[in-house]
Amino acid sequence: MPDNQVERELQDLEDRQWELHAKFFDGLANPTRLKIVELLLDRGEMNVGEIIEAVQMSQGQVSNQLACLKWCGYVTSRSEGKFVYYRVTDVRIRDLINLARAVVADNAENIRACTRMGD
């Protein structure tokens, strides 16, 4: 295989990795999903009704966000009778959230003033 082809394939692989990493953070970029994850980190495990009450959104909206979080591996669920309980899947998410809080605290004014990122 010519060097050019190998270089292109390596660049494609690297690009896919960057896209995957960005997609990971995109999962937490939605304020409702982030709030749900933080609630679950704080409370350990919650059923859908408790999450709905805490975030003050409709069941459909919350279920949609939970489905996204579950699909991407941020949360898992278990059924108990008529209730479905959710919890954060990976304990490292807590570390990630805590690190993000610290960085945001140190840069809050700049982040608020940034016009290059969407709301």
N, C-alpha and C. Protein backbone atom coordinates (compact mmCIF):
# COMPACT_ATOMS: atom_id res chain seq x y z
N MET A 1 0.85 -1.17 0.00
CA MET A 1 0.00 0.00 0.00
C MET A 1 0.90 1.24 0.00
N PRO A 2 0.62 2.20 -0.88
CA PRO A 2 1.45 3.41 -0.92
C PRO A 2 1.36 4.19 0.39
N ASP A 3 2.44 4.88 0.71
CA ASP A 3 2.49 5.66 1.95
C ASP A 3 1.34 6.65 2.04
N ASN A 4 0.96 7.23 0.92
CA ASN A 4 -0.14 8.18 0.88
C ASN A 4 -1.45 7.54 1.37
N GLN A 5 -1.69 6.32 0.93
CA GLN A 5 -2.90 5.58 1.32
C GLN A 5 -2.87 5.28 2.82
N VAL A 6 -1.74 4.86 3.32
CA VAL A 6 -1.59 4.56 4.75
C VAL A 6 -1.83 5.84 5.57
N GLU A 7 -1.26 6.93 5.13
CA GLU A 7 -1.43 8.20 5.83
C GLU A 7 -2.90 8.62 5.85
N ARG A 8 -3.60 8.45 4.74
CA ARG A 8 -5.03 8.79 4.68
C ARG A 8 -5.85 7.92 5.62
N GLU A 9 -5.54 6.63 5.65
CA GLU A 9 -6.27 5.72 6.54
C GLU A 9 -6.01 6.06 8.01
N LEU A 10 -4.78 6.39 8.34
CA LEU A 10 -4.46 6.78 9.71
C LEU A 10 -5.18 8.08 10.08
N GLN A 11 -5.22 9.02 9.14
CA GLN A 11 -5.91 10.29 9.39
C GLN A 11 -7.41 10.05 9.55
N ASP A 12 -7.99 9.17 8.74
CA ASP A 12 -9.42 8.83 8.87
C ASP A 12 -9.71 8.21 10.23
N LEU A 13 -8.84 7.33 10.67
CA LEU A 13 -9.00 6.69 11.98
C LEU A 13 -8.93 7.73 13.09
N GLU A 14 -7.96 8.62 12.99
CA GLU A 14 -7.82 9.69 13.98
C GLU A 14 -9.04 10.60 13.98
N ASP A 15 -9.54 10.95 12.80
CA ASP A 15 -10.73 11.80 12.69
C ASP A 15 -11.94 11.13 13.33
N ARG A 16 -12.09 9.82 13.11
CA ARG A 16 -13.22 9.10 13.72
C ARG A 16 -13.11 9.10 15.24
N GLN A 17 -11.89 9.00 15.75
CA GLN A 17 -11.69 9.06 17.21
C GLN A 17 -12.10 10.42 17.75
N TRP A 18 -11.70 11.50 17.07
CA TRP A 18 -12.07 12.85 17.50
C TRP A 18 -13.58 13.01 17.48
N GLU A 19 -14.22 12.50 16.44
CA GLU A 19 -15.68 12.58 16.34
C GLU A 19 -16.35 11.82 17.47
N LEU A 20 -15.82 10.65 17.80
CA LEU A 20 -16.37 9.86 18.89
C LEU A 20 -16.22 10.57 20.23
N HIS A 21 -15.08 11.16 20.47
CA HIS A 21 -14.86 11.91 21.71
C HIS A 21 -15.80 13.11 21.79
N ALA A 22 -15.94 13.82 20.69
CA ALA A 22 -16.85 14.97 20.67
C ALA A 22 -18.29 14.52 20.92
N LYS A 23 -18.66 13.39 20.35
CA LYS A 23 -20.01 12.87 20.56
C LYS A 23 -20.23 12.50 22.02
N PHE A 24 -19.21 11.96 22.67
CA PHE A 24 -19.30 11.65 24.10
C PHE A 24 -19.65 12.91 24.88
N PHE A 25 -18.92 14.00 24.65
CA PHE A 25 -19.18 15.24 25.37
C PHE A 25 -20.51 15.86 24.95
N ASP A 26 -20.90 15.64 23.72
CA ASP A 26 -22.19 16.12 23.24
C ASP A 26 -23.33 15.51 24.06
N GLY A 27 -23.14 14.27 24.50
CA GLY A 27 -24.14 13.61 25.32
C GLY A 27 -24.40 14.34 26.62
N LEU A 28 -23.41 15.01 27.14
CA LEU A 28 -23.55 15.77 28.37
C LEU A 28 -23.76 17.26 28.13
N ALA A 29 -23.73 17.68 26.87
CA ALA A 29 -23.87 19.09 26.54
C ALA A 29 -25.32 19.58 26.65
N ASN A 30 -26.27 18.67 26.62
CA ASN A 30 -27.67 19.04 26.76
C ASN A 30 -27.94 19.32 28.24
N PRO A 31 -28.47 20.50 28.58
CA PRO A 31 -28.68 20.84 29.99
C PRO A 31 -29.56 19.84 30.75
N THR A 32 -30.59 19.32 30.10
CA THR A 32 -31.46 18.36 30.78
C THR A 32 -30.72 17.06 31.07
N ARG A 33 -29.98 16.55 30.09
CA ARG A 33 -29.22 15.32 30.32
C ARG A 33 -28.18 15.52 31.41
N LEU A 34 -27.51 16.65 31.39
CA LEU A 34 -26.51 16.93 32.42
C LEU A 34 -27.17 17.00 33.80
N LYS A 35 -28.31 17.66 33.87
CA LYS A 35 -29.02 17.76 35.15
C LYS A 35 -29.42 16.37 35.65
N ILE A 36 -29.91 15.53 34.76
CA ILE A 36 -30.30 14.17 35.15
C ILE A 36 -29.08 13.40 35.66
N VAL A 37 -27.99 13.48 34.95
CA VAL A 37 -26.77 12.78 35.38
C VAL A 37 -26.32 13.28 36.75
N GLU A 38 -26.34 14.60 36.94
CA GLU A 38 -25.92 15.14 38.23
C GLU A 38 -26.87 14.73 39.34
N LEU A 39 -28.17 14.70 39.06
CA LEU A 39 -29.14 14.21 40.06
C LEU A 39 -28.83 12.77 40.45
N LEU A 40 -28.59 11.94 39.45
CA LEU A 40 -28.30 10.54 39.72
C LEU A 40 -26.99 10.37 40.48
N LEU A 41 -26.03 11.20 40.19
CA LEU A 41 -24.77 11.15 40.94
C LEU A 41 -24.99 11.55 42.39
N ASP A 42 -25.83 12.57 42.61
CA ASP A 42 -26.09 13.04 43.96
C ASP A 42 -26.95 12.07 44.76
N ARG A 43 -27.94 11.48 44.11
CA ARG A 43 -28.92 10.64 44.83
C ARG A 43 -28.69 9.14 44.66
N GLY A 44 -27.83 8.76 43.77
CA GLY A 44 -27.50 7.35 43.59
C GLY A 44 -28.39 6.64 42.60
N GLU A 45 -29.68 6.62 42.87
CA GLU A 45 -30.62 5.93 42.00
C GLU A 45 -31.97 6.61 42.15
N MET A 46 -32.65 6.78 41.03
CA MET A 46 -33.97 7.43 41.05
C MET A 46 -34.88 6.74 40.05
N ASN A 47 -36.17 6.74 40.38
CA ASN A 47 -37.11 6.23 39.39
C ASN A 47 -37.55 7.37 38.48
N VAL A 48 -38.20 7.04 37.41
CA VAL A 48 -38.57 8.04 36.40
C VAL A 48 -39.43 9.14 37.01
N GLY A 49 -40.40 8.77 37.86
CA GLY A 49 -41.27 9.77 38.49
C GLY A 49 -40.48 10.77 39.32
N GLU A 50 -39.49 10.29 40.04
CA GLU A 50 -38.66 11.18 40.85
C GLU A 50 -37.84 12.12 39.97
N ILE A 51 -37.35 11.60 38.86
CA ILE A 51 -36.57 12.44 37.94
C ILE A 51 -37.47 13.50 37.32
N ILE A 52 -38.68 13.10 36.91
CA ILE A 52 -39.63 14.05 36.33
C ILE A 52 -39.91 15.19 37.31
N GLU A 53 -40.15 14.83 38.54
CA GLU A 53 -40.43 15.83 39.58
C GLU A 53 -39.23 16.76 39.79
N ALA A 54 -38.04 16.20 39.80
CA ALA A 54 -36.84 16.99 40.07
C ALA A 54 -36.51 17.96 38.93
N VAL A 55 -36.72 17.54 37.68
CA VAL A 55 -36.35 18.40 36.55
C VAL A 55 -37.53 19.22 36.03
N GLN A 56 -38.74 18.94 36.56
CA GLN A 56 -39.93 19.70 36.18
C GLN A 56 -40.18 19.69 34.67
N MET A 57 -40.13 18.49 34.11
CA MET A 57 -40.40 18.31 32.68
C MET A 57 -41.40 17.19 32.51
N SER A 58 -41.94 17.07 31.32
CA SER A 58 -42.93 16.03 31.06
C SER A 58 -42.26 14.66 31.02
N GLN A 59 -43.08 13.64 31.19
CA GLN A 59 -42.55 12.28 31.16
C GLN A 59 -41.92 11.97 29.80
N GLY A 60 -42.55 12.45 28.73
CA GLY A 60 -42.00 12.22 27.39
C GLY A 60 -40.63 12.83 27.20
N GLN A 61 -40.48 14.06 27.69
CA GLN A 61 -39.18 14.74 27.57
C GLN A 61 -38.11 14.02 28.38
N VAL A 62 -38.45 13.65 29.60
CA VAL A 62 -37.48 12.97 30.46
C VAL A 62 -37.15 11.59 29.90
N SER A 63 -38.15 10.87 29.44
CA SER A 63 -37.91 9.54 28.87
C SER A 63 -37.00 9.62 27.66
N ASN A 64 -37.18 10.64 26.83
CA ASN A 64 -36.33 10.83 25.66
C ASN A 64 -34.88 11.04 26.07
N GLN A 65 -34.66 11.87 27.08
CA GLN A 65 -33.29 12.13 27.54
C GLN A 65 -32.68 10.90 28.20
N LEU A 66 -33.49 10.18 28.98
CA LEU A 66 -33.00 8.96 29.60
C LEU A 66 -32.64 7.91 28.56
N ALA A 67 -33.43 7.82 27.50
CA ALA A 67 -33.12 6.86 26.44
C ALA A 67 -31.78 7.17 25.80
N CYS A 68 -31.52 8.45 25.57
CA CYS A 68 -30.23 8.87 25.00
C CYS A 68 -29.09 8.52 25.96
N LEU A 69 -29.27 8.85 27.23
CA LEU A 69 -28.23 8.57 28.23
C LEU A 69 -27.97 7.08 28.36
N LYS A 70 -29.03 6.29 28.28
CA LYS A 70 -28.88 4.84 28.40
C LYS A 70 -28.21 4.27 27.16
N TRP A 71 -28.65 4.69 25.99
CA TRP A 71 -28.10 4.20 24.73
C TRP A 71 -26.59 4.41 24.68
N CYS A 72 -26.16 5.58 25.14
CA CYS A 72 -24.74 5.93 25.06
C CYS A 72 -23.92 5.44 26.25
N GLY A 73 -24.57 4.76 27.19
CA GLY A 73 -23.83 4.15 28.28
C GLY A 73 -23.59 5.00 29.50
N TYR A 74 -24.23 6.17 29.61
CA TYR A 74 -24.06 7.00 30.80
C TYR A 74 -24.84 6.45 31.98
N VAL A 75 -26.03 5.87 31.70
CA VAL A 75 -26.87 5.34 32.77
C VAL A 75 -27.33 3.93 32.43
N THR A 76 -27.72 3.21 33.47
CA THR A 76 -28.36 1.91 33.31
C THR A 76 -29.69 1.96 34.05
N SER A 77 -30.53 1.01 33.76
CA SER A 77 -31.83 0.98 34.42
C SER A 77 -32.11 -0.43 34.93
N ARG A 78 -33.02 -0.48 35.89
CA ARG A 78 -33.52 -1.75 36.37
C ARG A 78 -34.99 -1.55 36.69
N SER A 79 -35.75 -2.61 36.50
CA SER A 79 -37.17 -2.56 36.80
C SER A 79 -37.44 -3.22 38.14
N GLU A 80 -38.33 -2.59 38.87
CA GLU A 80 -38.78 -3.15 40.14
C GLU A 80 -40.28 -2.90 40.23
N GLY A 81 -41.05 -3.96 40.01
CA GLY A 81 -42.50 -3.79 39.94
C GLY A 81 -42.86 -2.91 38.77
N LYS A 82 -43.63 -1.87 39.04
CA LYS A 82 -44.04 -0.96 37.95
C LYS A 82 -43.08 0.22 37.77
N PHE A 83 -42.01 0.24 38.55
CA PHE A 83 -41.07 1.35 38.48
C PHE A 83 -39.79 0.96 37.74
N VAL A 84 -39.22 1.95 37.04
CA VAL A 84 -37.92 1.79 36.41
C VAL A 84 -36.97 2.75 37.11
N TYR A 85 -35.87 2.22 37.61
CA TYR A 85 -34.87 3.00 38.33
C TYR A 85 -33.63 3.18 37.46
N TYR A 86 -33.06 4.38 37.54
CA TYR A 86 -31.86 4.70 36.77
C TYR A 86 -30.73 5.06 37.72
N ARG A 87 -29.50 4.74 37.27
CA ARG A 87 -28.30 5.14 38.00
C ARG A 87 -27.19 5.34 36.99
N VAL A 88 -26.17 6.08 37.41
CA VAL A 88 -25.01 6.32 36.54
C VAL A 88 -24.22 5.02 36.42
N THR A 89 -23.86 4.68 35.20
CA THR A 89 -23.21 3.41 34.90
C THR A 89 -21.76 3.35 35.38
N ASP A 90 -21.01 4.38 35.13
CA ASP A 90 -19.57 4.37 35.34
C ASP A 90 -19.20 5.43 36.38
N VAL A 91 -18.55 5.01 37.44
CA VAL A 91 -18.18 5.94 38.51
C VAL A 91 -17.24 7.05 38.03
N ARG A 92 -16.57 6.83 36.93
CA ARG A 92 -15.66 7.87 36.41
C ARG A 92 -16.41 9.10 35.93
N ILE A 93 -17.71 8.94 35.66
CA ILE A 93 -18.53 10.10 35.25
C ILE A 93 -18.52 11.14 36.37
N ARG A 94 -18.57 10.68 37.63
CA ARG A 94 -18.51 11.62 38.76
C ARG A 94 -17.22 12.44 38.71
N ASP A 95 -16.11 11.79 38.45
CA ASP A 95 -14.83 12.50 38.36
C ASP A 95 -14.85 13.51 37.22
N LEU A 96 -15.42 13.10 36.10
CA LEU A 96 -15.51 13.99 34.94
C LEU A 96 -16.36 15.23 35.26
N ILE A 97 -17.49 15.02 35.90
CA ILE A 97 -18.38 16.13 36.26
C ILE A 97 -17.69 17.04 37.27
N ASN A 98 -17.04 16.47 38.26
CA ASN A 98 -16.33 17.28 39.26
C ASN A 98 -15.21 18.10 38.63
N LEU A 99 -14.49 17.49 37.73
CA LEU A 99 -13.43 18.21 37.02
C LEU A 99 -14.02 19.35 36.19
N ALA A 100 -15.12 19.08 35.50
CA ALA A 100 -15.78 20.12 34.70
C ALA A 100 -16.24 21.27 35.59
N ARG A 101 -16.81 20.95 36.75
CA ARG A 101 -17.24 22.00 37.68
C ARG A 101 -16.07 22.89 38.09
N ALA A 102 -14.93 22.28 38.36
CA ALA A 102 -13.76 23.06 38.77
C ALA A 102 -13.27 23.95 37.64
N VAL A 103 -13.22 23.42 36.44
CA VAL A 103 -12.77 24.22 35.29
C VAL A 103 -13.75 25.37 35.03
N VAL A 104 -15.04 25.06 35.10
CA VAL A 104 -16.06 26.10 34.89
C VAL A 104 -15.94 27.18 35.97
N ALA A 105 -15.75 26.78 37.21
CA ALA A 105 -15.61 27.76 38.30
C ALA A 105 -14.45 28.70 38.04
N ASP A 106 -13.37 28.18 37.51
CA ASP A 106 -12.19 29.00 37.24
C ASP A 106 -12.34 29.88 36.01
N ASN A 107 -13.29 29.53 35.13
CA ASN A 107 -13.41 30.24 33.86
C ASN A 107 -14.83 30.71 33.57
N ALA A 108 -15.65 30.85 34.59
CA ALA A 108 -17.07 31.12 34.40
C ALA A 108 -17.34 32.37 33.57
N GLU A 109 -16.67 33.45 33.87
CA GLU A 109 -16.92 34.70 33.13
C GLU A 109 -16.59 34.56 31.65
N ASN A 110 -15.46 33.93 31.36
CA ASN A 110 -15.07 33.74 29.96
C ASN A 110 -16.06 32.83 29.24
N ILE A 111 -16.51 31.79 29.91
CA ILE A 111 -17.46 30.86 29.29
C ILE A 111 -18.78 31.57 29.02
N ARG A 112 -19.26 32.35 30.01
CA ARG A 112 -20.50 33.10 29.83
C ARG A 112 -20.40 34.07 28.67
N ALA A 113 -19.26 34.72 28.53
CA ALA A 113 -19.09 35.75 27.51
C ALA A 113 -18.78 35.19 26.12
N CYS A 114 -18.46 33.92 26.04
CA CYS A 114 -18.08 33.32 24.76
C CYS A 114 -19.25 33.37 23.77
N THR A 115 -19.00 33.92 22.61
CA THR A 115 -20.03 33.98 21.57
C THR A 115 -19.79 32.97 20.47
N ARG A 116 -18.75 32.17 20.59
CA ARG A 116 -18.40 31.22 19.54
C ARG A 116 -19.05 29.85 19.75
N MET A 117 -19.62 29.61 20.92
CA MET A 117 -20.31 28.36 21.18
C MET A 117 -21.79 28.64 21.33
N GLY A 118 -22.60 27.70 20.86
CA GLY A 118 -24.05 27.87 20.93
C GLY A 118 -24.58 27.73 22.34
N ASP A 119 -25.80 28.16 22.49
CA ASP A 119 -26.47 28.04 23.80
C ASP A 119 -27.10 26.69 23.94
